[in-house]
Amino acid sequence: MNTDIYIRELVEHLLKANDTEAMNQTLQGLLTPSELSEISKRLQIFKLLEAGMPQRQIAETLGVGIATVTRGSRALKDK
């Protein structure tokens, strides 16, 4: 199983969505409502970290665990 190929195909599929509504439909077709919610929260974690909000406050605001916010913080640092 070559996950790199699968990821590349996923990215190519997502890039075919040429507007917001098409991307929304694509994501809703690929992901469960729970998965879509989690990905949306991860983006908010990145945005709030970049804005300087403390990790504990982010966790409380978004209703996620501190470990999830810490993982997001590490991902931003590794960019």
C-alpha atoms as a PDB file:
ATOM      1  CA  MET A   1       0.000   0.000   0.000  1.00  0.00           C
ATOM      2  CA  ASN A   2       1.601   3.254  -1.144  1.00  0.00           C
ATOM      3  CA  THR A   3      -0.007   6.048   0.845  1.00  0.00           C
ATOM      4  CA  ASP A   4       2.073   8.685  -0.954  1.00  0.00           C
ATOM      5  CA  ILE A   5       0.242   7.875  -4.175  1.00  0.00           C
ATOM      6  CA  TYR A   6      -3.116   7.983  -2.392  1.00  0.00           C
ATOM      7  CA  ILE A   7      -2.315  11.352  -0.857  1.00  0.00           C
ATOM      8  CA  ARG A   8      -1.228  12.745  -4.214  1.00  0.00           C
ATOM      9  CA  GLU A   9      -4.466  11.504  -5.789  1.00  0.00           C
ATOM     10  CA  LEU A  10      -6.447  13.090  -2.958  1.00  0.00           C
ATOM     11  CA  VAL A  11      -4.714  16.425  -3.482  1.00  0.00           C
ATOM     12  CA  GLU A  12      -5.309  16.235  -7.228  1.00  0.00           C
ATOM     13  CA  HIS A  13      -8.980  15.451  -6.604  1.00  0.00           C
ATOM     14  CA  LEU A  14      -9.329  18.406  -4.230  1.00  0.00           C
ATOM     15  CA  LEU A  15      -7.657  20.740  -6.700  1.00  0.00           C
ATOM     16  CA  LYS A  16     -10.398  19.990  -9.232  1.00  0.00           C
ATOM     17  CA  ALA A  17     -12.867  21.933  -7.081  1.00  0.00           C
ATOM     18  CA  ASN A  18     -12.824  25.370  -8.665  1.00  0.00           C
ATOM     19  CA  ASP A  19     -14.931  27.303  -6.174  1.00  0.00           C
ATOM     20  CA  THR A  20     -16.038  27.288  -2.542  1.00  0.00           C
ATOM     21  CA  GLU A  21     -19.264  25.377  -3.133  1.00  0.00           C
ATOM     22  CA  ALA A  22     -17.518  22.709  -5.224  1.00  0.00           C
ATOM     23  CA  MET A  23     -14.889  22.260  -2.501  1.00  0.00           C
ATOM     24  CA  ASN A  24     -17.592  22.062   0.158  1.00  0.00           C
ATOM     25  CA  GLN A  25     -19.402  19.343  -1.798  1.00  0.00           C
ATOM     26  CA  THR A  26     -16.154  17.471  -2.421  1.00  0.00           C
ATOM     27  CA  LEU A  27     -15.225  17.496   1.258  1.00  0.00           C
ATOM     28  CA  GLN A  28     -18.720  16.466   2.333  1.00  0.00           C
ATOM     29  CA  GLY A  29     -18.576  13.585  -0.124  1.00  0.00           C
ATOM     30  CA  LEU A  30     -15.199  12.393   1.117  1.00  0.00           C
ATOM     31  CA  LEU A  31     -15.527  12.916   4.853  1.00  0.00           C
ATOM     32  CA  THR A  32     -18.021  12.029   7.545  1.00  0.00           C
ATOM     33  CA  PRO A  33     -19.568  15.004   9.358  1.00  0.00           C
ATOM     34  CA  SER A  34     -17.331  14.214  12.345  1.00  0.00           C
ATOM     35  CA  GLU A  35     -14.165  14.151  10.205  1.00  0.00           C
ATOM     36  CA  LEU A  36     -15.105  17.428   8.543  1.00  0.00           C
ATOM     37  CA  SER A  37     -15.704  19.024  11.945  1.00  0.00           C
ATOM     38  CA  GLU A  38     -12.341  17.816  13.252  1.00  0.00           C
ATOM     39  CA  ILE A  39     -10.445  19.116  10.211  1.00  0.00           C
ATOM     40  CA  SER A  40     -12.235  22.450  10.515  1.00  0.00           C
ATOM     41  CA  LYS A  41     -11.206  22.683  14.172  1.00  0.00           C
ATOM     42  CA  ARG A  42      -7.596  21.911  13.279  1.00  0.00           C
ATOM     43  CA  LEU A  43      -7.555  24.838  10.873  1.00  0.00           C
ATOM     44  CA  GLN A  44      -8.952  27.062  13.629  1.00  0.00           C
ATOM     45  CA  ILE A  45      -6.230  25.803  15.965  1.00  0.00           C
ATOM     46  CA  PHE A  46      -3.590  26.911  13.457  1.00  0.00           C
ATOM     47  CA  LYS A  47      -5.221  30.302  13.020  1.00  0.00           C
ATOM     48  CA  LEU A  48      -5.568  30.921  16.755  1.00  0.00           C
ATOM     49  CA  LEU A  49      -1.996  29.787  17.459  1.00  0.00           C
ATOM     50  CA  GLU A  50      -0.713  32.134  14.771  1.00  0.00           C
ATOM     51  CA  ALA A  51      -2.772  34.939  16.357  1.00  0.00           C
ATOM     52  CA  GLY A  52      -0.988  34.297  19.652  1.00  0.00           C
ATOM     53  CA  MET A  53      -3.838  32.818  21.680  1.00  0.00           C
ATOM     54  CA  PRO A  54      -2.632  30.598  24.561  1.00  0.00           C
ATOM     55  CA  GLN A  55      -2.999  26.860  23.987  1.00  0.00           C
ATOM     56  CA  ARG A  56      -5.271  26.272  26.976  1.00  0.00           C
ATOM     57  CA  GLN A  57      -7.612  29.029  25.832  1.00  0.00           C
ATOM     58  CA  ILE A  58      -7.733  27.518  22.337  1.00  0.00           C
ATOM     59  CA  ALA A  59      -8.599  24.123  23.807  1.00  0.00           C
ATOM     60  CA  GLU A  60     -11.425  25.634  25.858  1.00  0.00           C
ATOM     61  CA  THR A  61     -12.713  27.815  23.012  1.00  0.00           C
ATOM     62  CA  LEU A  62     -12.862  24.971  20.484  1.00  0.00           C
ATOM     63  CA  GLY A  63     -13.776  22.186  22.877  1.00  0.00           C
ATOM     64  CA  VAL A  64     -10.715  20.108  22.058  1.00  0.00           C
ATOM     65  CA  GLY A  65      -8.054  18.522  24.227  1.00  0.00           C
ATOM     66  CA  ILE A  66      -4.844  20.332  25.037  1.00  0.00           C
ATOM     67  CA  ALA A  67      -2.940  17.495  23.314  1.00  0.00           C
ATOM     68  CA  THR A  68      -4.738  18.321  20.057  1.00  0.00           C
ATOM     69  CA  VAL A  69      -3.682  21.956  20.338  1.00  0.00           C
ATOM     70  CA  THR A  70      -0.119  20.955  21.219  1.00  0.00           C
ATOM     71  CA  ARG A  71       0.004  18.707  18.143  1.00  0.00           C
ATOM     72  CA  GLY A  72      -1.124  21.662  16.047  1.00  0.00           C
ATOM     73  CA  SER A  73       1.553  23.831  17.610  1.00  0.00           C
ATOM     74  CA  ARG A  74       4.237  21.279  16.756  1.00  0.00           C
ATOM     75  CA  ALA A  75       2.951  21.007  13.185  1.00  0.00           C
ATOM     76  CA  LEU A  76       3.247  24.788  12.763  1.00  0.00           C
ATOM     77  CA  LYS A  77       6.792  24.762  14.125  1.00  0.00           C
ATOM     78  CA  ASP A  78       7.776  21.933  11.762  1.00  0.00           C
ATOM     79  CA  LYS A  79       6.605  23.828   8.671  1.00  0.00           C
END
